[in-house]
């Protein structure tokens, strides 16, 4: 039974012949108002509200198409369905071109009409019920798998599945099922942190049975094998792009590209730009960069931009692997430069390797912390995805990708790390030289009480620079963030529910690497 009685306006000059359909709908609980012309339909719409309108094309006076155009101007979001005898293609194309909800050809049976109604007036309710039922069936299976000892590939699969449900249930109206899912994601993140801390040192030191693609190996694993002097390859790196944000922009890109492969790789620690992105372009871990190329490395406690030498590091990386090709590197920080990049694209088609870095998502993440109105725009994961999609659909980057698709270029999309919406403050003590990041700290005499912290006393164990003899690194896990005791409550309130990176969570560590093929 419908909680809200759906009201239908049906305009057809032969409406008397449709009496059996109308009786059928009324028995199903629908209210049907009938008229015999487009003008009468407009008069009824002026008198009362309707949930959906059915129109015939061939009516006396205003045609169905003319009536649709009139209705669209006044009632832009009212679902309109054309039900007509006409099978002429140009009428069908004209109707669909007006962005109607559906197009049905007579004779139609009552069940077709019922299906159409449910699709366009009860879709949200039916979707919520179905998605809730489907997730409830999967909940136990996911819980059982979380109890097992998952390997690196299985954790990627788990994160993909949880992301799928987060996005599906994000459209659901049931707050209880969302709460259950978020609790399951939190449980998964806690277990993922334990998994990573138990295996990370072995991965970095090439020990153990698993070979894991990470920041410092991803170009060698994925990009270098595809480079050819015969065609251009483009790596587009969107700083701080989470996997769920990739899934949000994927449908837009699918108009122009086939998704040839969707991989996830593991970011190194800290999951922050100055570490992960330098490692990506150098093919080396941070302490190796500092030792081999000290002129290109800026330590945590030193002034200056930490990522000013990525291009030079990439040059050295290619030389070490004997890849002697022309290549370009561009970092896009504003719309004006983005437009220049687009205008210069024809000149890059003869360049075998092109790197384009877009910083919008990362800049938005930082603005989200500091600007109240930005916090309002993205106060949870669903709205964060929505803002990302809105940016992407109106960005010069999409224009770049359309151009590359038209030129059949080889394109990869990736990022350097993700981010997580932090929730739980953890008190920490350190001297004035301690780093300021909320998700990791490096310094001397760090003091904390939480057990859910990955602490590395010897930075060389994970190939991080040692700033002084007694400095160590600590990483926050899951939804935790570090806060000093001074002005504790102020800083907790200021930073809670902001998107941060640098620590250990599926959202920060497991990041997309997408291979695209032009359609």
Protein backbone atom coordinates (compact mmCIF):
# COMPACT_ATOMS: atom_id res chain seq x y z
CA UNK A 1 0.00 0.00 0.00
CA UNK A 2 1.31 3.48 -0.89
CA UNK A 3 1.99 5.74 2.10
CA UNK A 4 1.49 8.72 -0.22
CA UNK A 5 -1.33 8.26 -2.75
CA UNK A 6 0.21 8.87 -6.16
CA UNK A 7 -1.85 11.22 -8.34
CA UNK A 8 -1.69 10.73 -12.12
CA UNK A 9 -2.79 13.14 -14.85
CA UNK A 10 -3.53 11.26 -18.08
CA UNK A 11 -4.13 13.24 -21.31
CA UNK A 12 -5.43 11.30 -24.32
CA UNK A 13 -8.19 12.16 -26.80
CA UNK A 14 -9.18 8.46 -26.73
CA UNK A 15 -9.15 8.26 -22.93
CA UNK A 16 -12.45 6.30 -22.89
CA UNK A 17 -10.68 3.36 -24.57
CA UNK A 18 -8.19 3.32 -21.67
CA UNK A 19 -10.86 2.81 -18.99
CA UNK A 20 -9.65 -0.75 -18.09
CA UNK A 21 -6.13 0.62 -17.44
CA UNK A 22 -7.52 3.39 -15.23
CA UNK A 23 -9.65 0.95 -13.20
CA UNK A 24 -6.60 -1.29 -12.77
CA UNK A 25 -4.51 1.63 -11.44
CA UNK A 26 -7.27 2.80 -9.09
CA UNK A 27 -7.52 -0.72 -7.66
CA UNK A 28 -3.76 -0.51 -7.01
CA UNK A 29 -4.31 2.64 -4.94
CA UNK A 30 -3.48 5.31 -7.51
CA UNK A 31 -5.63 8.37 -8.17
CA UNK A 32 -6.13 9.10 -11.89
CA UNK A 33 -7.42 12.37 -13.37
CA UNK A 34 -8.21 12.18 -17.10
CA UNK A 35 -8.38 14.88 -19.78
CA UNK A 36 -8.72 14.77 -23.57
CA UNK A 37 -6.33 17.50 -24.75
CA UNK A 38 -3.11 19.28 -24.02
CA UNK A 39 -4.91 22.49 -23.10
CA UNK A 40 -7.08 20.64 -20.57
CA UNK A 41 -3.92 19.08 -19.11
CA UNK A 42 -2.39 22.53 -18.59
CA UNK A 43 -5.62 23.72 -16.95
CA UNK A 44 -5.61 20.79 -14.50
CA UNK A 45 -1.95 21.36 -13.63
CA UNK A 46 -2.80 24.95 -12.75
CA UNK A 47 -5.53 23.75 -10.36
CA UNK A 48 -3.86 20.87 -8.51
CA UNK A 49 -0.60 19.00 -7.96
CA UNK A 50 0.26 15.75 -9.72
CA UNK A 51 3.06 13.23 -9.25
CA UNK A 52 3.32 12.17 -12.91
CA UNK A 53 1.73 12.99 -16.28
CA UNK A 54 0.91 10.60 -19.16
CA UNK A 55 0.43 12.20 -22.58
CA UNK A 56 -0.59 11.02 -26.03
CA UNK A 57 1.22 12.68 -28.96
CA UNK A 58 -1.67 13.01 -31.43
CA UNK A 59 -4.34 15.14 -29.68
CA UNK A 60 -6.56 17.95 -31.01
CA UNK A 61 -5.20 21.42 -30.37
CA UNK A 62 -1.78 21.20 -28.72
CA UNK A 63 0.18 18.09 -29.68
CA UNK A 64 1.82 15.95 -27.05
CA UNK A 65 5.25 17.45 -27.81
CA UNK A 66 3.90 21.01 -27.62
CA UNK A 67 2.19 20.18 -24.32
CA UNK A 68 5.43 18.70 -22.95
CA UNK A 69 7.35 21.87 -23.82
CA UNK A 70 4.73 24.00 -22.04
CA UNK A 71 4.76 21.77 -18.96
CA UNK A 72 8.57 21.71 -18.81
CA UNK A 73 8.69 25.50 -18.57
CA UNK A 74 6.39 25.60 -15.55
CA UNK A 75 6.98 22.23 -13.86
CA UNK A 76 10.57 21.33 -14.70
CA UNK A 77 10.85 18.32 -12.38
CA UNK A 78 7.46 16.73 -13.00
CA UNK A 79 7.87 13.24 -14.57
CA UNK A 80 6.37 13.14 -18.09
CA UNK A 81 5.63 9.93 -19.99
CA UNK A 82 4.54 9.84 -23.62
CA UNK A 83 2.16 6.96 -24.45
CA UNK A 84 1.35 7.01 -28.15
CA UNK A 85 0.45 4.93 -31.19
CA UNK A 86 3.13 6.65 -33.24
CA UNK A 87 6.23 4.61 -34.01
CA UNK A 88 7.82 7.34 -36.14
CA UNK A 89 11.46 7.69 -35.18
CA UNK A 90 11.57 11.48 -35.43
CA UNK A 91 8.71 11.82 -32.92
CA UNK A 92 10.43 9.43 -30.54
CA UNK A 93 13.72 11.35 -30.85
CA UNK A 94 11.96 14.70 -30.36
CA UNK A 95 10.17 13.41 -27.25
CA UNK A 96 13.29 11.93 -25.72
CA UNK A 97 15.17 15.11 -26.62
CA UNK A 98 12.82 17.09 -24.37
CA UNK A 99 14.15 14.98 -21.47
CA UNK A 100 10.90 13.16 -20.76
CA UNK A 101 10.97 10.36 -18.21
CA UNK A 102 9.72 7.57 -20.48
CA UNK A 103 8.28 6.73 -23.91
CA UNK A 104 5.76 3.90 -24.36
CA UNK A 105 4.13 2.71 -27.60
CA UNK A 106 0.50 1.56 -27.69
CA UNK A 107 -0.93 -0.90 -27.15
CA UNK A 108 0.39 -1.01 -23.60
CA UNK A 109 -0.81 -3.46 -20.99
CA UNK A 110 -1.63 -2.42 -17.41
CA UNK A 111 1.52 -4.03 -16.00
CA UNK A 112 3.69 -1.88 -18.29
CA UNK A 113 1.96 1.20 -16.92
CA UNK A 114 2.39 -0.05 -13.34
CA UNK A 115 6.09 -0.69 -13.89
CA UNK A 116 6.52 2.78 -15.37
CA UNK A 117 4.77 4.35 -12.38
CA UNK A 118 6.87 2.52 -9.82
CA UNK A 119 10.06 3.40 -11.68
CA UNK A 120 9.32 7.11 -11.76
CA UNK A 121 7.34 7.75 -8.57
CA UNK A 122 8.47 5.08 -6.10
CA UNK A 123 12.03 4.52 -7.23
CA UNK A 124 13.67 5.92 -4.09
CA UNK A 125 11.54 3.82 -1.72
CA UNK A 126 12.02 0.65 -3.74
CA UNK A 127 15.75 1.31 -4.04
CA UNK A 128 16.09 1.85 -0.29
CA UNK A 129 14.25 -1.35 0.50
CA UNK A 130 16.26 -3.37 -2.02
CA UNK A 131 19.66 -1.96 -1.02
CA UNK A 132 18.88 -2.51 2.67
CA UNK A 133 17.86 -6.10 2.01
CA UNK A 134 20.92 -6.78 -0.16
CA UNK A 135 23.36 -5.34 2.39
CA UNK A 136 21.72 -7.26 5.24
CA UNK A 137 22.34 -10.45 3.29
CA UNK A 138 26.00 -9.51 2.77
CA UNK A 139 26.64 -8.24 6.31
CA UNK A 140 27.30 -11.68 7.79
CA UNK A 141 29.55 -12.72 4.89
CA UNK A 142 31.64 -9.55 5.27
CA UNK A 143 31.87 -10.05 9.04
CA UNK A 144 33.02 -13.64 8.60
CA UNK A 145 35.71 -12.62 6.11
CA UNK A 146 36.96 -9.91 8.46
CA UNK A 147 37.59 -12.64 11.04
CA UNK A 148 40.04 -14.33 8.65
CA UNK A 149 43.66 -13.37 8.07
CA UNK A 150 43.27 -11.39 4.86
CA UNK A 151 46.28 -10.80 2.60
CA UNK A 152 47.05 -7.58 0.75
CA UNK A 153 44.91 -8.45 -2.29
CA UNK A 154 42.00 -9.58 -0.12
CA UNK A 155 42.10 -6.29 1.78
CA UNK A 156 41.81 -4.44 -1.52
CA UNK A 157 38.75 -6.54 -2.41
CA UNK A 158 37.27 -5.90 1.04
CA UNK A 159 37.76 -2.15 0.73
CA UNK A 160 36.18 -2.13 -2.74
CA UNK A 161 33.13 -3.98 -1.41
CA UNK A 162 32.71 -1.72 1.61
CA UNK A 163 33.05 1.32 -0.63
CA UNK A 164 30.36 -0.06 -2.91
CA UNK A 165 27.95 -0.42 0.01
CA UNK A 166 28.88 3.00 1.39
CA UNK A 167 27.96 4.58 -1.93
CA UNK A 168 24.82 2.48 -2.39
CA UNK A 169 23.49 3.07 1.11
CA UNK A 170 24.47 6.73 0.88
CA UNK A 171 21.36 7.07 -1.29
CA UNK A 172 19.27 5.14 1.25
CA UNK A 173 16.79 6.85 3.57
CA UNK A 174 17.23 4.36 6.42
CA UNK A 175 19.64 5.84 9.03
CA UNK A 176 19.80 2.55 10.96
CA UNK A 177 21.27 0.55 8.09
CA UNK A 178 23.80 3.33 7.45
CA UNK A 179 24.87 3.18 11.08
CA UNK A 180 25.36 -0.59 10.84
CA UNK A 181 27.51 -0.16 7.74
CA UNK A 182 29.62 2.58 9.30
CA UNK A 183 30.23 0.36 12.32
CA UNK A 184 31.36 -2.43 10.01
CA UNK A 185 33.69 -0.07 8.12
CA UNK A 186 35.15 1.09 11.44
CA UNK A 187 35.74 -2.53 12.47
CA UNK A 188 37.41 -3.18 9.11
CA UNK A 189 39.63 -0.13 9.49
CA UNK A 190 40.77 -1.21 12.94
CA UNK A 191 41.69 -4.65 11.59
CA UNK A 192 43.33 -3.15 8.51
CA UNK A 193 45.57 -1.01 10.73
CA UNK A 194 46.71 -4.12 12.61
CA UNK A 195 47.32 -5.92 9.31
CA UNK A 196 49.38 -3.08 7.87
CA UNK A 197 51.51 -2.53 10.96
CA UNK A 198 52.29 -6.26 11.09
CA UNK A 199 53.41 -6.42 7.47
CA UNK A 200 54.64 -2.97 6.47
CA UNK A 201 58.28 -3.35 7.50
CA UNK A 202 58.56 -6.66 5.59
CA UNK A 203 57.01 -5.14 2.47
CA UNK A 204 59.36 -2.18 2.49
CA UNK A 205 62.36 -4.45 2.96
CA UNK A 206 61.21 -6.95 0.30
CA UNK A 207 60.74 -9.73 2.82
CA UNK A 208 57.94 -12.24 3.06
CA UNK A 209 55.88 -13.91 0.37
CA UNK A 210 53.74 -10.97 -0.78
CA UNK A 211 54.84 -8.60 -3.53
CA UNK A 212 52.85 -5.42 -3.01
CA UNK A 213 52.69 -2.48 -5.42
CA UNK A 214 53.47 0.66 -3.43
CA UNK A 215 54.18 4.33 -4.04
CA UNK A 216 57.84 3.82 -4.95
CA UNK A 217 57.14 0.91 -7.33
CA UNK A 218 53.88 1.88 -9.05
CA UNK A 219 55.42 3.69 -12.04
CA UNK A 220 57.80 0.79 -12.67
CA UNK A 221 54.94 -1.70 -12.27
CA UNK A 222 52.27 0.09 -14.28
CA UNK A 223 53.48 3.03 -16.39
CA UNK A 224 57.00 2.28 -17.64
CA UNK A 225 55.98 -0.91 -19.50
CA UNK A 226 53.43 1.04 -21.55
CA UNK A 227 55.76 3.84 -22.69
CA UNK A 228 56.34 3.88 -26.43
CA UNK A 229 57.94 6.36 -28.80
CA UNK A 230 55.10 5.61 -31.25
CA UNK A 231 52.24 7.08 -29.18
CA UNK A 232 51.81 9.38 -26.15
CA UNK A 233 51.10 8.12 -22.63
CA UNK A 234 49.54 10.39 -20.01
CA UNK A 235 49.62 9.90 -16.25
CA UNK A 236 47.05 12.17 -14.62
CA UNK A 237 47.58 12.33 -10.89
CA UNK A 238 44.75 13.89 -8.87
CA UNK A 239 46.27 14.67 -5.49
CA UNK A 240 44.41 13.16 -2.52
CA UNK A 241 41.81 11.28 -4.59
CA UNK A 242 40.08 8.55 -2.59
CA UNK A 243 38.80 5.39 -4.22
CA UNK A 244 35.17 6.37 -3.57
CA UNK A 245 35.80 9.70 -5.29
CA UNK A 246 37.17 7.84 -8.29
CA UNK A 247 34.01 5.71 -8.40
CA UNK A 248 31.97 8.93 -8.32
CA UNK A 249 33.63 10.43 -11.39
CA UNK A 250 33.91 7.11 -13.25
CA UNK A 251 30.44 7.27 -14.90
CA UNK A 252 31.27 10.65 -16.44
CA UNK A 253 34.55 9.33 -17.82
CA UNK A 254 32.87 6.18 -19.12
CA UNK A 255 31.26 8.24 -21.87
CA UNK A 256 34.71 8.66 -23.43
CA UNK A 257 36.85 5.77 -22.16
CA UNK A 258 36.66 2.07 -21.47
CA UNK A 259 37.93 1.30 -17.96
CA UNK A 260 40.56 -1.20 -19.03
CA UNK A 261 41.76 -1.94 -15.52
CA UNK A 262 40.94 -0.71 -12.03
CA UNK A 263 43.80 -1.40 -9.63
CA UNK A 264 44.43 -0.24 -6.09
CA UNK A 265 47.94 0.11 -4.71
CA UNK A 266 49.34 0.77 -1.24
CA UNK A 267 50.62 4.21 -0.31
CA UNK A 268 53.80 4.34 1.74
CA UNK A 269 53.79 5.89 5.21
CA UNK A 270 53.25 8.68 5.99
CA UNK A 271 50.31 8.92 3.59
CA UNK A 272 51.18 12.54 2.90
CA UNK A 273 52.21 14.30 -0.29
CA UNK A 274 55.81 15.13 0.60
CA UNK A 275 56.52 11.46 1.26
CA UNK A 276 54.20 9.46 -0.99
CA UNK A 277 54.41 11.62 -4.12
CA UNK A 278 58.17 12.13 -3.97
CA UNK A 279 58.53 8.37 -3.59
CA UNK A 280 56.22 7.81 -6.57
CA UNK A 281 58.23 10.04 -8.93
CA UNK A 282 61.63 9.00 -7.60
CA UNK A 283 61.03 5.25 -7.47
CA UNK A 284 62.73 5.38 -4.09
CA UNK A 285 61.73 5.53 -0.45
CA UNK A 286 62.14 8.92 1.29
CA UNK A 287 65.40 8.13 3.12
CA UNK A 288 66.87 6.81 -0.14
CA UNK A 289 65.93 10.07 -1.89
CA UNK A 290 67.50 12.11 0.92
CA UNK A 291 70.70 10.08 0.65
CA UNK A 292 70.98 9.76 -3.14
CA UNK A 293 69.59 13.18 -4.12
CA UNK A 294 69.98 15.47 -1.09
CA UNK A 295 69.56 18.53 -3.33
CA UNK A 296 66.00 17.41 -4.10
CA UNK A 297 64.86 16.48 -0.59
CA UNK A 298 63.50 18.91 2.04
CA UNK A 299 63.21 17.46 5.54
CA UNK A 300 60.10 17.73 7.69
CA UNK A 301 61.67 20.39 9.95
CA UNK A 302 63.13 22.47 7.12
CA UNK A 303 61.40 25.47 5.48
CA UNK A 304 60.31 25.37 1.88
CA UNK A 305 57.98 23.39 -0.37
CA UNK A 306 58.54 19.67 0.05
CA UNK A 307 57.51 18.75 -3.52
CA UNK A 308 59.34 21.25 -5.70
CA UNK A 309 61.68 18.69 -7.27
CA UNK A 310 59.37 15.94 -8.50
CA UNK A 311 60.25 16.63 -12.12
CA UNK A 312 63.98 16.26 -11.43
CA UNK A 313 63.34 13.07 -9.45
CA UNK A 314 61.37 11.67 -12.38
CA UNK A 315 64.24 12.55 -14.74
CA UNK A 316 66.65 10.59 -12.55
CA UNK A 317 64.21 7.68 -12.25
CA UNK A 318 63.92 7.33 -16.03
CA UNK A 319 67.71 7.50 -16.42
CA UNK A 320 68.24 4.76 -13.86
CA UNK A 321 65.94 2.49 -15.86
CA UNK A 322 67.53 3.36 -19.16
CA UNK A 323 64.38 5.02 -20.51
CA UNK A 324 65.67 7.74 -22.79
CA UNK A 325 62.55 9.54 -23.98
CA UNK A 326 61.15 13.02 -24.20
CA UNK A 327 58.73 13.66 -21.35
CA UNK A 328 56.74 16.51 -19.84
CA UNK A 329 55.67 17.35 -16.30
CA UNK A 330 53.04 19.92 -15.26
CA UNK A 331 51.53 20.73 -11.87
CA UNK A 332 48.15 22.48 -12.15
CA UNK A 333 47.31 24.68 -9.18
CA UNK A 334 44.78 27.12 -10.68
CA UNK A 335 42.23 27.46 -13.48
CA UNK A 336 44.35 29.84 -15.56
CA UNK A 337 47.25 27.40 -15.79
CA UNK A 338 44.81 24.53 -16.40
CA UNK A 339 43.55 26.37 -19.47
CA UNK A 340 47.12 26.81 -20.73
CA UNK A 341 47.69 23.08 -20.30
CA UNK A 342 44.60 22.34 -22.37
CA UNK A 343 45.68 24.74 -25.12
CA UNK A 344 49.11 23.08 -25.22
CA UNK A 345 47.79 19.51 -25.55
CA UNK A 346 48.40 19.27 -29.34
CA UNK A 347 52.10 19.89 -28.68
CA UNK A 348 52.27 16.96 -26.24
CA UNK A 349 50.97 14.35 -28.69
CA UNK A 350 54.51 13.76 -29.92
CA UNK A 351 55.82 13.36 -26.35
CA UNK A 352 55.95 9.71 -25.20
CA UNK A 353 55.33 10.41 -21.49
CA UNK A 354 53.28 13.28 -20.04
CA UNK A 355 52.64 13.83 -16.33
CA UNK A 356 49.76 16.09 -15.25
CA UNK A 357 49.14 16.77 -11.56
CA UNK A 358 45.84 18.31 -10.45
CA UNK A 359 45.66 19.62 -6.90
CA UNK A 360 41.97 20.54 -6.52
CA UNK A 361 40.90 17.68 -4.23
CA UNK A 362 43.86 18.21 -1.90
CA UNK A 363 43.30 21.98 -1.80
CA UNK A 364 39.62 21.42 -1.09
CA UNK A 365 40.53 19.04 1.74
CA UNK A 366 42.73 21.70 3.35
CA UNK A 367 40.10 24.40 2.82
CA UNK A 368 37.56 22.08 4.43
CA UNK A 369 39.58 22.29 7.63
CA UNK A 370 39.99 26.07 7.64
CA UNK A 371 36.84 27.54 6.04
CA UNK A 372 33.43 27.08 7.67
CA UNK A 373 31.41 27.37 4.47
CA UNK A 374 33.52 24.63 2.86
CA UNK A 375 32.81 22.39 5.85
CA UNK A 376 29.12 22.92 5.19
CA UNK A 377 29.60 21.82 1.58
CA UNK A 378 31.26 18.53 2.57
CA UNK A 379 30.26 17.46 6.06
CA UNK A 380 30.36 13.72 5.35
CA UNK A 381 31.68 11.22 2.80
CA UNK A 382 28.64 11.46 0.52
CA UNK A 383 28.82 15.25 0.25
CA UNK A 384 32.62 15.07 -0.17
CA UNK A 385 32.05 12.80 -3.16
CA UNK A 386 29.38 15.14 -4.50
CA UNK A 387 31.69 18.16 -4.40
CA UNK A 388 34.40 16.17 -6.16
CA UNK A 389 31.97 15.19 -8.91
CA UNK A 390 30.73 18.76 -9.33
CA UNK A 391 34.29 20.02 -9.67
CA UNK A 392 35.22 17.29 -12.13
CA UNK A 393 32.20 17.80 -14.39
CA UNK A 394 33.01 21.51 -14.75
CA UNK A 395 36.79 21.29 -14.67
CA UNK A 396 39.41 21.84 -17.38
CA UNK A 397 40.60 18.32 -16.49
CA UNK A 398 37.47 16.80 -18.05
CA UNK A 399 38.11 18.83 -21.20
CA UNK A 400 41.67 17.48 -21.23
CA UNK A 401 40.41 13.92 -20.93
CA UNK A 402 37.84 14.40 -23.70
CA UNK A 403 40.61 15.64 -25.98
CA UNK A 404 42.88 12.72 -25.11
CA UNK A 405 40.03 10.28 -25.75
CA UNK A 406 39.45 11.81 -29.17
CA UNK A 407 43.17 11.38 -29.94
CA UNK A 408 43.18 7.75 -28.70
CA UNK A 409 45.96 8.47 -26.21
CA UNK A 410 46.99 6.02 -23.48
CA UNK A 411 45.78 7.42 -20.15
CA UNK A 412 46.34 6.47 -16.52
CA UNK A 413 44.55 8.16 -13.60
CA UNK A 414 45.93 7.84 -10.10
CA UNK A 415 46.81 9.68 -6.91
CA UNK A 416 49.44 9.71 -4.16
CA UNK A 417 47.28 9.09 -1.05
CA UNK A 418 43.71 9.36 0.20
CA UNK A 419 42.16 10.96 3.27
CA UNK A 420 39.85 10.07 6.15
CA UNK A 421 37.26 11.98 8.17
CA UNK A 422 38.84 12.03 11.61
CA UNK A 423 36.72 11.40 14.71
CA UNK A 424 38.67 10.33 17.79
CA UNK A 425 41.26 12.58 19.49
CA UNK A 426 44.38 10.98 20.98
CA UNK A 427 46.54 13.00 23.39
CA UNK A 428 50.24 13.21 22.57
CA UNK A 429 53.21 15.09 24.04
CA UNK A 430 56.28 16.26 22.14
CA UNK A 431 58.85 19.03 22.04
CA UNK A 432 58.55 22.16 19.92
CA UNK A 433 60.35 20.49 17.01
CA UNK A 434 57.62 17.84 16.64
CA UNK A 435 55.82 17.88 13.28
CA UNK A 436 52.34 19.39 13.06
CA UNK A 437 50.42 16.79 11.01
CA UNK A 438 47.34 15.43 12.80
CA UNK A 439 47.70 11.83 11.52
CA UNK A 440 51.42 11.27 12.08
CA UNK A 441 54.14 12.82 14.21
CA UNK A 442 57.92 12.79 13.96
CA UNK A 443 60.02 14.10 16.80
CA UNK A 444 61.88 13.33 19.99
CA UNK A 445 60.44 12.22 23.32
CA UNK A 446 56.96 11.56 21.93
CA UNK A 447 54.64 10.46 24.71
CA UNK A 448 51.17 8.97 24.18
CA UNK A 449 48.85 6.58 25.97
CA UNK A 450 46.85 4.98 23.16
CA UNK A 451 47.76 1.41 22.15
CA UNK A 452 46.27 1.85 18.66
CA UNK A 453 49.30 3.67 17.30
CA UNK A 454 51.99 2.44 14.95
CA UNK A 455 55.25 3.58 16.51
CA UNK A 456 58.60 3.30 14.70
CA UNK A 457 61.58 4.03 16.93
CA UNK A 458 64.13 3.57 14.16
CA UNK A 459 62.94 5.47 11.04
CA UNK A 460 65.46 3.61 8.90
CA UNK A 461 63.41 0.43 9.41
CA UNK A 462 60.77 1.94 7.10
CA UNK A 463 63.16 4.07 5.02
CA UNK A 464 62.22 7.45 6.47
CA UNK A 465 64.74 10.22 7.15
CA UNK A 466 66.08 10.35 10.68
CA UNK A 467 65.97 14.00 11.70
CA UNK A 468 68.11 13.47 14.81
CA UNK A 469 69.48 10.62 16.88
CA UNK A 470 66.36 10.07 19.00
CA UNK A 471 63.56 11.04 16.61
CA UNK A 472 60.82 8.51 15.88
CA UNK A 473 57.61 8.37 13.85
CA UNK A 474 54.14 7.56 15.16
CA UNK A 475 51.05 7.03 13.01
CA UNK A 476 47.39 7.38 13.99
CA UNK A 477 45.14 4.48 13.04
CA UNK A 478 41.57 4.35 11.77
CA UNK A 479 39.66 7.53 12.72
CA UNK A 480 42.11 8.80 15.40
CA UNK A 481 44.01 12.08 15.30
CA UNK A 482 46.74 13.53 17.50
CA UNK A 483 46.04 16.49 19.79
CA UNK A 484 48.33 18.23 22.25
CA UNK A 485 47.03 18.77 25.83
CA UNK A 486 47.33 22.55 25.46
CA UNK A 487 43.97 23.99 24.32
CA UNK A 488 42.83 20.39 23.93
CA UNK A 489 39.06 21.00 23.67
CA UNK A 490 39.47 23.85 21.18
CA UNK A 491 41.61 21.76 18.84
CA UNK A 492 39.35 18.71 19.16
CA UNK A 493 36.29 20.75 18.17
CA UNK A 494 38.18 22.52 15.39
CA UNK A 495 39.58 19.42 13.69
CA UNK A 496 36.98 16.74 14.36
CA UNK A 497 35.04 15.70 11.23
CA UNK A 498 37.64 17.22 8.89
CA UNK A 499 39.34 15.19 6.15
CA UNK A 500 43.01 14.53 6.93
CA UNK A 501 45.81 12.30 5.70
CA UNK A 502 49.14 10.96 6.86
CA UNK A 503 48.02 7.99 8.94
CA UNK A 504 46.79 4.43 8.48
CA UNK A 505 43.31 3.66 7.15
CA UNK A 506 41.91 1.97 4.08
CA UNK A 507 40.83 5.37 2.77
CA UNK A 508 44.36 6.82 3.00
CA UNK A 509 46.46 3.79 2.08
CA UNK A 510 44.46 1.92 -0.59
CA UNK A 511 44.39 4.23 -3.57
CA UNK A 512 43.27 3.90 -7.19
CA UNK A 513 45.40 3.36 -10.26
CA UNK A 514 43.16 3.33 -13.33
CA UNK A 515 44.04 2.33 -16.88
CA UNK A 516 41.84 3.94 -19.56
CA UNK A 517 41.37 3.10 -23.23
CA UNK A 518 39.61 5.59 -25.49
CA UNK A 519 36.27 4.51 -26.98
